Amino acid sequence: GYAAQFAEDASYVIFMGDAMFGRAAIAQTHHEVFTRWQKGTRMAVKP
């Protein structure tokens, strides 16, 4: 659901300096994020 908000060919650069390209890579990486490093976290975001 997170990755679905990004274009099929989106670029995604995180603060640590890693980059991923494409919705599939965003989904795969965030599966690991949500099941390991950031499991159970919530997001705050404000424009």
All heavy atoms as atom14 arrays in JSON, in Angstrom:
{
  "sequence": "GYAAQFAEDASYVIFMGDAMFGRAAIAQTHHEVFTRWQKGTRMAVKP",
  "atom14_mask": [
    [1, 1, 1, 1, 0, 0, 0, 0, 0, 0, 0, 0, 0, 0],
    [1, 1, 1, 1, 1, 1, 1, 1, 1, 1, 1, 1, 0, 0],
    [1, 1, 1, 1, 1, 0, 0, 0, 0, 0, 0, 0, 0, 0],
    [1, 1, 1, 1, 1, 0, 0, 0, 0, 0, 0, 0, 0, 0],
    [1, 1, 1, 1, 1, 1, 1, 1, 1, 0, 0, 0, 0, 0],
    [1, 1, 1, 1, 1, 1, 1, 1, 1, 1, 1, 0, 0, 0],
    [1, 1, 1, 1, 1, 0, 0, 0, 0, 0, 0, 0, 0, 0],
    [1, 1, 1, 1, 1, 1, 1, 1, 1, 0, 0, 0, 0, 0],
    [1, 1, 1, 1, 1, 1, 1, 1, 0, 0, 0, 0, 0, 0],
    [1, 1, 1, 1, 1, 0, 0, 0, 0, 0, 0, 0, 0, 0],
    [1, 1, 1, 1, 1, 1, 0, 0, 0, 0, 0, 0, 0, 0],
    [1, 1, 1, 1, 1, 1, 1, 1, 1, 1, 1, 1, 0, 0],
    [1, 1, 1, 1, 1, 1, 1, 0, 0, 0, 0, 0, 0, 0],
    [1, 1, 1, 1, 1, 1, 1, 1, 0, 0, 0, 0, 0, 0],
    [1, 1, 1, 1, 1, 1, 1, 1, 1, 1, 1, 0, 0, 0],
    [1, 1, 1, 1, 1, 1, 1, 1, 0, 0, 0, 0, 0, 0],
    [1, 1, 1, 1, 0, 0, 0, 0, 0, 0, 0, 0, 0, 0],
    [1, 1, 1, 1, 1, 1, 1, 1, 0, 0, 0, 0, 0, 0],
    [1, 1, 1, 1, 1, 0, 0, 0, 0, 0, 0, 0, 0, 0],
    [1, 1, 1, 1, 1, 1, 1, 1, 0, 0, 0, 0, 0, 0],
    [1, 1, 1, 1, 1, 1, 1, 1, 1, 1, 1, 0, 0, 0],
    [1, 1, 1, 1, 0, 0, 0, 0, 0, 0, 0, 0, 0, 0],
    [1, 1, 1, 1, 1, 1, 1, 1, 1, 1, 1, 0, 0, 0],
    [1, 1, 1, 1, 1, 0, 0, 0, 0, 0, 0, 0, 0, 0],
    [1, 1, 1, 1, 1, 0, 0, 0, 0, 0, 0, 0, 0, 0],
    [1, 1, 1, 1, 1, 1, 1, 1, 0, 0, 0, 0, 0, 0],
    [1, 1, 1, 1, 1, 0, 0, 0, 0, 0, 0, 0, 0, 0],
    [1, 1, 1, 1, 1, 1, 1, 1, 1, 0, 0, 0, 0, 0],
    [1, 1, 1, 1, 1, 1, 1, 0, 0, 0, 0, 0, 0, 0],
    [1, 1, 1, 1, 1, 1, 1, 1, 1, 1, 0, 0, 0, 0],
    [1, 1, 1, 1, 1, 1, 1, 1, 1, 1, 0, 0, 0, 0],
    [1, 1, 1, 1, 1, 1, 1, 1, 1, 0, 0, 0, 0, 0],
    [1, 1, 1, 1, 1, 1, 1, 0, 0, 0, 0, 0, 0, 0],
    [1, 1, 1, 1, 1, 1, 1, 1, 1, 1, 1, 0, 0, 0],
    [1, 1, 1, 1, 1, 1, 1, 0, 0, 0, 0, 0, 0, 0],
    [1, 1, 1, 1, 1, 1, 1, 1, 1, 1, 1, 0, 0, 0],
    [1, 1, 1, 1, 1, 1, 1, 1, 1, 1, 1, 1, 1, 1],
    [1, 1, 1, 1, 1, 1, 1, 1, 1, 0, 0, 0, 0, 0],
    [1, 1, 1, 1, 1, 1, 1, 1, 1, 0, 0, 0, 0, 0],
    [1, 1, 1, 1, 0, 0, 0, 0, 0, 0, 0, 0, 0, 0],
    [1, 1, 1, 1, 1, 1, 1, 0, 0, 0, 0, 0, 0, 0],
    [1, 1, 1, 1, 1, 1, 1, 1, 1, 1, 1, 0, 0, 0],
    [1, 1, 1, 1, 1, 1, 1, 1, 0, 0, 0, 0, 0, 0],
    [1, 1, 1, 1, 1, 0, 0, 0, 0, 0, 0, 0, 0, 0],
    [1, 1, 1, 1, 1, 1, 1, 0, 0, 0, 0, 0, 0, 0],
    [1, 1, 1, 1, 1, 1, 1, 1, 1, 0, 0, 0, 0, 0],
    [1, 1, 1, 1, 1, 1, 1, 0, 0, 0, 0, 0, 0, 0]
  ],
  "atom14_positions": [
    [[0.82, -1.21, 0.0], [0.0, 0.0, 0.0], [0.84, 1.25, 0.0], [0.51, 2.25, -0.66], [0.0, 0.0, 0.0], [0.0, 0.0, 0.0], [0.0, 0.0, 0.0], [0.0, 0.0, 0.0], [0.0, 0.0, 0.0], [0.0, 0.0, 0.0], [0.0, 0.0, 0.0], [0.0, 0.0, 0.0], [0.0, 0.0, 0.0], [0.0, 0.0, 0.0]],
    [[1.96, 1.22, 0.71], [2.88, 2.35, 0.73], [3.48, 2.54, -0.66], [3.44, 3.64, -1.22], [3.97, 2.09, 1.77], [4.93, 3.24, 1.96], [4.6, 4.32, 2.77], [6.18, 3.23, 1.33], [5.48, 5.37, 2.95], [7.07, 4.28, 1.52], [6.71, 5.34, 2.32], [7.6, 6.39, 2.49], [0.0, 0.0, 0.0], [0.0, 0.0, 0.0]],
    [[4.0, 1.47, -1.24], [4.64, 1.56, -2.55], [3.65, 1.95, -3.65], [4.03, 2.59, -4.63], [5.31, 0.24, -2.89], [0.0, 0.0, 0.0], [0.0, 0.0, 0.0], [0.0, 0.0, 0.0], [0.0, 0.0, 0.0], [0.0, 0.0, 0.0], [0.0, 0.0, 0.0], [0.0, 0.0, 0.0], [0.0, 0.0, 0.0], [0.0, 0.0, 0.0]],
    [[2.38, 1.61, -3.47], [1.36, 1.94, -4.48], [1.19, 3.45, -4.64], [0.64, 3.9, -5.66], [0.03, 1.31, -4.1], [0.0, 0.0, 0.0], [0.0, 0.0, 0.0], [0.0, 0.0, 0.0], [0.0, 0.0, 0.0], [0.0, 0.0, 0.0], [0.0, 0.0, 0.0], [0.0, 0.0, 0.0], [0.0, 0.0, 0.0], [0.0, 0.0, 0.0]],
    [[1.67, 4.24, -3.7], [1.55, 5.7, -3.78], [2.67, 6.31, -4.64], [2.7, 7.51, -4.87], [1.57, 6.32, -2.38], [0.53, 5.74, -1.44], [-0.85, 5.64, -2.06], [-1.36, 6.62, -2.61], [-1.45, 4.47, -1.98], [0.0, 0.0, 0.0], [0.0, 0.0, 0.0], [0.0, 0.0, 0.0], [0.0, 0.0, 0.0], [0.0, 0.0, 0.0]],
    [[3.57, 5.47, -5.11], [4.71, 5.92, -5.91], [4.54, 5.43, -7.35], [3.98, 4.36, -7.6], [6.01, 5.38, -5.3], [6.31, 5.99, -3.96], [5.71, 5.49, -2.81], [7.14, 7.09, -3.84], [5.94, 6.06, -1.57], [7.38, 7.68, -2.61], [6.77, 7.16, -1.47], [0.0, 0.0, 0.0], [0.0, 0.0, 0.0], [0.0, 0.0, 0.0]],
    [[5.06, 6.22, -8.28], [5.0, 5.85, -9.7], [5.78, 4.55, -9.94], [6.69, 4.21, -9.18], [5.58, 6.97, -10.55], [0.0, 0.0, 0.0], [0.0, 0.0, 0.0], [0.0, 0.0, 0.0], [0.0, 0.0, 0.0], [0.0, 0.0, 0.0], [0.0, 0.0, 0.0], [0.0, 0.0, 0.0], [0.0, 0.0, 0.0], [0.0, 0.0, 0.0]],
    [[5.42, 3.89, -10.99], [6.07, 2.62, -11.36], [7.59, 2.79, -11.45], [8.35, 1.9, -11.08], [5.51, 2.12, -12.69], [5.91, 0.72, -13.04], [5.31, -0.33, -12.11], [4.15, -0.22, -11.73], [6.05, -1.28, -11.77], [0.0, 0.0, 0.0], [0.0, 0.0, 0.0], [0.0, 0.0, 0.0], [0.0, 0.0, 0.0], [0.0, 0.0, 0.0]],
    [[8.04, 3.97, -11.93], [9.47, 4.22, -12.11], [10.01, 5.28, -11.15], [11.01, 5.95, -11.44], [9.75, 4.63, -13.56], [9.03, 5.91, -13.95], [8.15, 6.4, -13.18], [9.34, 6.45, -15.03], [0.0, 0.0, 0.0], [0.0, 0.0, 0.0], [0.0, 0.0, 0.0], [0.0, 0.0, 0.0], [0.0, 0.0, 0.0], [0.0, 0.0, 0.0]],
    [[9.41, 5.42, -9.98], [9.8, 6.46, -9.02], [11.23, 6.27, -8.51], [11.73, 5.15, -8.45], [8.84, 6.44, -7.83], [0.0, 0.0, 0.0], [0.0, 0.0, 0.0], [0.0, 0.0, 0.0], [0.0, 0.0, 0.0], [0.0, 0.0, 0.0], [0.0, 0.0, 0.0], [0.0, 0.0, 0.0], [0.0, 0.0, 0.0], [0.0, 0.0, 0.0]],
    [[11.83, 7.39, -8.13], [13.12, 7.34, -7.43], [12.85, 7.66, -5.96], [11.98, 8.47, -5.63], [14.12, 8.33, -8.02], [13.67, 9.66, -7.87], [0.0, 0.0, 0.0], [0.0, 0.0, 0.0], [0.0, 0.0, 0.0], [0.0, 0.0, 0.0], [0.0, 0.0, 0.0], [0.0, 0.0, 0.0], [0.0, 0.0, 0.0], [0.0, 0.0, 0.0]],
    [[13.61, 7.01, -5.06], [13.38, 7.11, -3.62], [14.73, 7.13, -2.94], [15.47, 6.14, -2.96], [12.57, 5.88, -3.18], [11.97, 5.94, -1.82], [10.6, 6.19, -1.66], [12.72, 5.72, -0.68], [10.02, 6.21, -0.4], [12.15, 5.75, 0.58], [10.79, 5.99, 0.72], [10.21, 6.02, 1.97], [0.0, 0.0, 0.0], [0.0, 0.0, 0.0]],
    [[15.1, 8.28, -2.36], [16.4, 8.45, -1.73], [16.19, 8.69, -0.24], [15.46, 9.6, 0.15], [17.18, 9.63, -2.35], [18.54, 9.81, -1.67], [17.35, 9.43, -3.85], [0.0, 0.0, 0.0], [0.0, 0.0, 0.0], [0.0, 0.0, 0.0], [0.0, 0.0, 0.0], [0.0, 0.0, 0.0], [0.0, 0.0, 0.0], [0.0, 0.0, 0.0]],
    [[16.85, 7.86, 0.59], [16.68, 7.98, 2.04], [17.84, 8.78, 2.64], [18.89, 8.95, 2.01], [16.52, 6.61, 2.72], [17.78, 5.76, 2.59], [15.31, 5.89, 2.17], [17.76, 4.49, 3.42], [0.0, 0.0, 0.0], [0.0, 0.0, 0.0], [0.0, 0.0, 0.0], [0.0, 0.0, 0.0], [0.0, 0.0, 0.0], [0.0, 0.0, 0.0]],
    [[17.64, 9.22, 3.89], [18.6, 10.13, 4.52], [19.98, 9.52, 4.7], [20.96, 10.23, 4.81], [18.05, 10.65, 5.86], [18.08, 9.67, 6.99], [19.14, 9.63, 7.87], [17.03, 8.8, 7.17], [19.15, 8.74, 8.92], [17.03, 7.91, 8.22], [18.1, 7.87, 9.09], [0.0, 0.0, 0.0], [0.0, 0.0, 0.0], [0.0, 0.0, 0.0]],
    [[20.08, 8.19, 4.74], [21.39, 7.54, 4.9], [22.18, 7.54, 3.6], [23.34, 7.15, 3.58], [21.21, 6.12, 5.4], [20.66, 6.06, 6.8], [20.28, 4.4, 7.45], [21.0, 3.26, 6.31], [0.0, 0.0, 0.0], [0.0, 0.0, 0.0], [0.0, 0.0, 0.0], [0.0, 0.0, 0.0], [0.0, 0.0, 0.0], [0.0, 0.0, 0.0]],
    [[21.54, 7.95, 2.5], [22.25, 8.01, 1.22], [21.97, 6.86, 0.3], [22.58, 6.76, -0.76], [0.0, 0.0, 0.0], [0.0, 0.0, 0.0], [0.0, 0.0, 0.0], [0.0, 0.0, 0.0], [0.0, 0.0, 0.0], [0.0, 0.0, 0.0], [0.0, 0.0, 0.0], [0.0, 0.0, 0.0], [0.0, 0.0, 0.0], [0.0, 0.0, 0.0]],
    [[21.07, 5.96, 0.68], [20.7, 4.86, -0.22], [19.6, 5.32, -1.17], [18.75, 6.12, -0.8], [20.19, 3.66, 0.58], [21.3, 2.96, 1.36], [22.48, 3.08, 0.96], [20.98, 2.31, 2.36], [0.0, 0.0, 0.0], [0.0, 0.0, 0.0], [0.0, 0.0, 0.0], [0.0, 0.0, 0.0], [0.0, 0.0, 0.0], [0.0, 0.0, 0.0]],
    [[19.64, 4.78, -2.38], [18.62, 5.11, -3.38], [18.01, 3.82, -3.91], [18.68, 2.8, -4.02], [19.23, 5.9, -4.53], [0.0, 0.0, 0.0], [0.0, 0.0, 0.0], [0.0, 0.0, 0.0], [0.0, 0.0, 0.0], [0.0, 0.0, 0.0], [0.0, 0.0, 0.0], [0.0, 0.0, 0.0], [0.0, 0.0, 0.0], [0.0, 0.0, 0.0]],
    [[16.73, 3.89, -4.19], [16.06, 2.78, -4.86], [15.24, 3.35, -6.01], [14.84, 4.52, -5.97], [15.22, 1.94, -3.89], [14.16, 2.68, -3.15], [13.63, 1.86, -1.64], [14.81, 2.53, -0.49], [0.0, 0.0, 0.0], [0.0, 0.0, 0.0], [0.0, 0.0, 0.0], [0.0, 0.0, 0.0], [0.0, 0.0, 0.0], [0.0, 0.0, 0.0]],
    [[15.01, 2.53, -7.0], [14.32, 2.98, -8.19], [13.23, 1.99, -8.55], [13.48, 0.79, -8.67], [15.31, 3.14, -9.35], [16.39, 4.13, -9.03], [17.62, 3.7, -8.55], [16.16, 5.48, -9.16], [18.61, 4.61, -8.23], [17.15, 6.41, -8.84], [18.37, 5.96, -8.37], [0.0, 0.0, 0.0], [0.0, 0.0, 0.0], [0.0, 0.0, 0.0]],
    [[12.02, 2.51, -8.68], [10.87, 1.7, -9.08], [10.02, 1.26, -7.91], [10.5, 1.06, -6.79], [0.0, 0.0, 0.0], [0.0, 0.0, 0.0], [0.0, 0.0, 0.0], [0.0, 0.0, 0.0], [0.0, 0.0, 0.0], [0.0, 0.0, 0.0], [0.0, 0.0, 0.0], [0.0, 0.0, 0.0], [0.0, 0.0, 0.0], [0.0, 0.0, 0.0]],
    [[8.74, 1.14, -8.18], [7.75, 0.76, -7.16], [8.07, -0.6, -6.54], [7.93, -0.79, -5.34], [6.36, 0.75, -7.78], [5.26, 0.48, -6.77], [3.89, 0.4, -7.41], [3.54, 1.67, -8.02], [2.81, 1.78, -9.14], [2.39, 0.69, -9.76], [2.52, 2.96, -9.62], [0.0, 0.0, 0.0], [0.0, 0.0, 0.0], [0.0, 0.0, 0.0]],
    [[8.52, -1.54, -7.36], [8.82, -2.89, -6.85], [9.93, -2.83, -5.8], [9.84, -3.48, -4.76], [9.19, -3.83, -7.98], [0.0, 0.0, 0.0], [0.0, 0.0, 0.0], [0.0, 0.0, 0.0], [0.0, 0.0, 0.0], [0.0, 0.0, 0.0], [0.0, 0.0, 0.0], [0.0, 0.0, 0.0], [0.0, 0.0, 0.0], [0.0, 0.0, 0.0]],
    [[10.98, -2.04, -6.06], [12.07, -1.92, -5.09], [11.6, -1.22, -3.82], [12.0, -1.59, -2.71], [13.24, -1.15, -5.72], [0.0, 0.0, 0.0], [0.0, 0.0, 0.0], [0.0, 0.0, 0.0], [0.0, 0.0, 0.0], [0.0, 0.0, 0.0], [0.0, 0.0, 0.0], [0.0, 0.0, 0.0], [0.0, 0.0, 0.0], [0.0, 0.0, 0.0]],
    [[10.74, -0.23, -3.97], [10.19, 0.47, -2.8], [9.37, -0.5, -1.95], [9.49, -0.54, -0.73], [9.36, 1.7, -3.24], [10.27, 2.73, -3.91], [8.61, 2.31, -2.06], [9.53, 3.83, -4.65], [0.0, 0.0, 0.0], [0.0, 0.0, 0.0], [0.0, 0.0, 0.0], [0.0, 0.0, 0.0], [0.0, 0.0, 0.0], [0.0, 0.0, 0.0]],
    [[8.55, -1.31, -2.6], [7.73, -2.29, -1.87], [8.62, -3.32, -1.16], [8.4, -3.63, 0.02], [6.77, -2.98, -2.82], [0.0, 0.0, 0.0], [0.0, 0.0, 0.0], [0.0, 0.0, 0.0], [0.0, 0.0, 0.0], [0.0, 0.0, 0.0], [0.0, 0.0, 0.0], [0.0, 0.0, 0.0], [0.0, 0.0, 0.0], [0.0, 0.0, 0.0]],
    [[9.6, -3.85, -1.87], [10.48, -4.88, -1.28], [11.23, -4.31, -0.09], [11.29, -4.94, 0.98], [11.46, -5.4, -2.32], [12.41, -6.44, -1.77], [13.41, -6.92, -2.81], [13.44, -6.45, -3.94], [14.23, -7.88, -2.42], [0.0, 0.0, 0.0], [0.0, 0.0, 0.0], [0.0, 0.0, 0.0], [0.0, 0.0, 0.0], [0.0, 0.0, 0.0]],
    [[11.81, -3.15, -0.23], [12.57, -2.53, 0.86], [11.67, -2.24, 2.05], [12.04, -2.49, 3.2], [13.26, -1.24, 0.38], [14.17, -1.59, -0.67], [13.99, -0.56, 1.51], [0.0, 0.0, 0.0], [0.0, 0.0, 0.0], [0.0, 0.0, 0.0], [0.0, 0.0, 0.0], [0.0, 0.0, 0.0], [0.0, 0.0, 0.0], [0.0, 0.0, 0.0]],
    [[10.47, -1.72, 1.79], [9.59, -1.37, 2.9], [8.98, -2.6, 3.57], [8.63, -2.53, 4.75], [8.56, -0.33, 2.46], [9.18, 1.02, 2.4], [9.89, 1.44, 1.31], [9.27, 1.99, 3.34], [10.37, 2.65, 1.56], [10.01, 2.99, 2.79], [0.0, 0.0, 0.0], [0.0, 0.0, 0.0], [0.0, 0.0, 0.0], [0.0, 0.0, 0.0]],
    [[8.9, -3.71, 2.86], [8.49, -4.94, 3.54], [9.51, -5.24, 4.65], [9.13, -5.56, 5.78], [8.39, -6.1, 2.56], [8.15, -7.41, 3.25], [6.93, -7.75, 3.78], [8.99, -8.44, 3.52], [7.02, -8.93, 4.37], [8.26, -9.38, 4.22], [0.0, 0.0, 0.0], [0.0, 0.0, 0.0], [0.0, 0.0, 0.0], [0.0, 0.0, 0.0]],
    [[10.8, -5.13, 4.33], [11.85, -5.35, 5.33], [11.79, -4.28, 6.42], [11.94, -4.6, 7.6], [13.21, -5.36, 4.66], [13.44, -6.56, 3.77], [14.81, -6.54, 3.12], [15.76, -6.0, 3.72], [14.93, -7.07, 2.01], [0.0, 0.0, 0.0], [0.0, 0.0, 0.0], [0.0, 0.0, 0.0], [0.0, 0.0, 0.0], [0.0, 0.0, 0.0]],
    [[11.58, -3.03, 6.03], [11.49, -1.94, 7.01], [10.37, -2.22, 8.0], [10.55, -2.11, 9.21], [11.26, -0.59, 6.29], [10.84, 0.5, 7.26], [12.51, -0.16, 5.52], [0.0, 0.0, 0.0], [0.0, 0.0, 0.0], [0.0, 0.0, 0.0], [0.0, 0.0, 0.0], [0.0, 0.0, 0.0], [0.0, 0.0, 0.0], [0.0, 0.0, 0.0]],
    [[9.19, -2.6, 7.5], [8.02, -2.78, 8.35], [8.05, -4.06, 9.17], [7.36, -4.17, 10.18], [6.73, -2.74, 7.53], [6.47, -1.42, 6.85], [5.78, -1.36, 5.66], [6.9, -0.23, 7.41], [5.52, -0.15, 5.05], [6.66, 0.98, 6.8], [5.96, 1.03, 5.61], [0.0, 0.0, 0.0], [0.0, 0.0, 0.0], [0.0, 0.0, 0.0]],
    [[8.84, -5.04, 8.75], [8.9, -6.3, 9.51], [10.17, -6.41, 10.36], [10.27, -7.33, 11.16], [8.82, -7.52, 8.56], [9.89, -7.47, 7.62], [7.48, -7.56, 7.85], [0.0, 0.0, 0.0], [0.0, 0.0, 0.0], [0.0, 0.0, 0.0], [0.0, 0.0, 0.0], [0.0, 0.0, 0.0], [0.0, 0.0, 0.0], [0.0, 0.0, 0.0]],
    [[11.1, -5.47, 10.2], [12.35, -5.53, 10.96], [12.61, -4.23, 11.7], [12.27, -4.08, 12.85], [13.52, -5.82, 10.04], [13.45, -7.18, 9.4], [14.5, -7.28, 8.35], [15.29, -8.49, 8.55], [16.37, -8.74, 7.89], [16.84, -7.89, 7.02], [17.02, -9.87, 8.09], [0.0, 0.0, 0.0], [0.0, 0.0, 0.0], [0.0, 0.0, 0.0]],
    [[13.22, -3.27, 11.01], [13.78, -2.08, 11.67], [12.74, -1.11, 12.2], [12.96, -0.46, 13.21], [14.71, -1.32, 10.71], [15.74, -2.22, 10.11], [16.79, -2.79, 10.76], [15.78, -2.69, 8.78], [17.5, -3.58, 9.9], [16.9, -3.54, 8.67], [15.0, -2.47, 7.65], [17.26, -4.16, 7.49], [15.35, -3.09, 6.47], [16.46, -3.92, 6.41]],
    [[11.62, -0.98, 11.53], [10.61, 0.0, 11.94], [9.27, -0.67, 12.27], [8.22, -0.03, 12.19], [10.41, 1.07, 10.85], [11.64, 1.89, 10.56], [12.0, 2.83, 11.71], [11.21, 3.1, 12.6], [13.21, 3.33, 11.68], [0.0, 0.0, 0.0], [0.0, 0.0, 0.0], [0.0, 0.0, 0.0], [0.0, 0.0, 0.0], [0.0, 0.0, 0.0]],
    [[9.32, -1.92, 12.66], [8.09, -2.66, 12.97], [7.31, -1.95, 14.09], [7.88, -1.59, 15.12], [8.45, -4.08, 13.41], [7.23, -4.96, 13.61], [7.64, -6.38, 13.94], [6.41, -7.24, 14.05], [6.77, -8.64, 14.24], [0.0, 0.0, 0.0], [0.0, 0.0, 0.0], [0.0, 0.0, 0.0], [0.0, 0.0, 0.0], [0.0, 0.0, 0.0]],
    [[6.03, -1.72, 13.83], [5.16, -1.12, 14.83], [5.27, 0.39, 14.97], [4.67, 0.97, 15.86], [0.0, 0.0, 0.0], [0.0, 0.0, 0.0], [0.0, 0.0, 0.0], [0.0, 0.0, 0.0], [0.0, 0.0, 0.0], [0.0, 0.0, 0.0], [0.0, 0.0, 0.0], [0.0, 0.0, 0.0], [0.0, 0.0, 0.0], [0.0, 0.0, 0.0]],
    [[6.04, 1.03, 14.08], [6.18, 2.48, 14.17], [5.02, 3.18, 13.47], [4.3, 2.59, 12.67], [7.51, 2.97, 13.56], [7.56, 2.6, 12.18], [8.7, 2.4, 14.31], [0.0, 0.0, 0.0], [0.0, 0.0, 0.0], [0.0, 0.0, 0.0], [0.0, 0.0, 0.0], [0.0, 0.0, 0.0], [0.0, 0.0, 0.0], [0.0, 0.0, 0.0]],
    [[4.89, 4.45, 13.82], [3.9, 5.32, 13.18], [4.64, 6.49, 12.54], [5.75, 6.83, 12.94], [2.89, 5.84, 14.2], [2.03, 4.74, 14.8], [1.02, 5.27, 15.82], [1.64, 6.01, 16.9], [1.53, 7.34, 17.09], [0.81, 8.07, 16.29], [2.15, 7.92, 18.11], [0.0, 0.0, 0.0], [0.0, 0.0, 0.0], [0.0, 0.0, 0.0]],
    [[3.98, 7.12, 11.57], [4.56, 8.24, 10.85], [3.84, 9.53, 11.2], [2.61, 9.55, 11.32], [4.45, 8.0, 9.34], [4.89, 9.2, 8.49], [4.48, 9.0, 6.73], [5.78, 7.88, 6.24], [0.0, 0.0, 0.0], [0.0, 0.0, 0.0], [0.0, 0.0, 0.0], [0.0, 0.0, 0.0], [0.0, 0.0, 0.0], [0.0, 0.0, 0.0]],
    [[4.61, 10.59, 11.35], [4.06, 11.94, 11.42], [4.58, 12.67, 10.18], [5.77, 12.56, 9.86], [4.52, 12.65, 12.69], [0.0, 0.0, 0.0], [0.0, 0.0, 0.0], [0.0, 0.0, 0.0], [0.0, 0.0, 0.0], [0.0, 0.0, 0.0], [0.0, 0.0, 0.0], [0.0, 0.0, 0.0], [0.0, 0.0, 0.0], [0.0, 0.0, 0.0]],
    [[3.71, 13.37, 9.49], [4.11, 14.1, 8.29], [3.25, 15.35, 8.18], [2.03, 15.3, 8.4], [4.03, 13.22, 7.02], [2.62, 12.73, 6.75], [4.61, 13.93, 5.81], [0.0, 0.0, 0.0], [0.0, 0.0, 0.0], [0.0, 0.0, 0.0], [0.0, 0.0, 0.0], [0.0, 0.0, 0.0], [0.0, 0.0, 0.0], [0.0, 0.0, 0.0]],
    [[3.9, 16.47, 7.86], [3.18, 17.75, 7.78], [3.79, 18.57, 6.64], [5.0, 18.8, 6.61], [3.34, 18.5, 9.1], [2.76, 19.88, 9.12], [3.04, 20.53, 10.46], [2.75, 22.0, 10.42], [3.14, 22.65, 11.68], [0.0, 0.0, 0.0], [0.0, 0.0, 0.0], [0.0, 0.0, 0.0], [0.0, 0.0, 0.0], [0.0, 0.0, 0.0]],
    [[2.96, 19.03, 5.7], [3.5, 19.86, 4.62], [3.9, 21.23, 5.15], [3.18, 21.82, 5.96], [2.35, 19.95, 3.63], [1.12, 19.68, 4.41], [1.52, 18.8, 5.55], [0.0, 0.0, 0.0], [0.0, 0.0, 0.0], [0.0, 0.0, 0.0], [0.0, 0.0, 0.0], [0.0, 0.0, 0.0], [0.0, 0.0, 0.0], [0.0, 0.0, 0.0]]
  ]
}
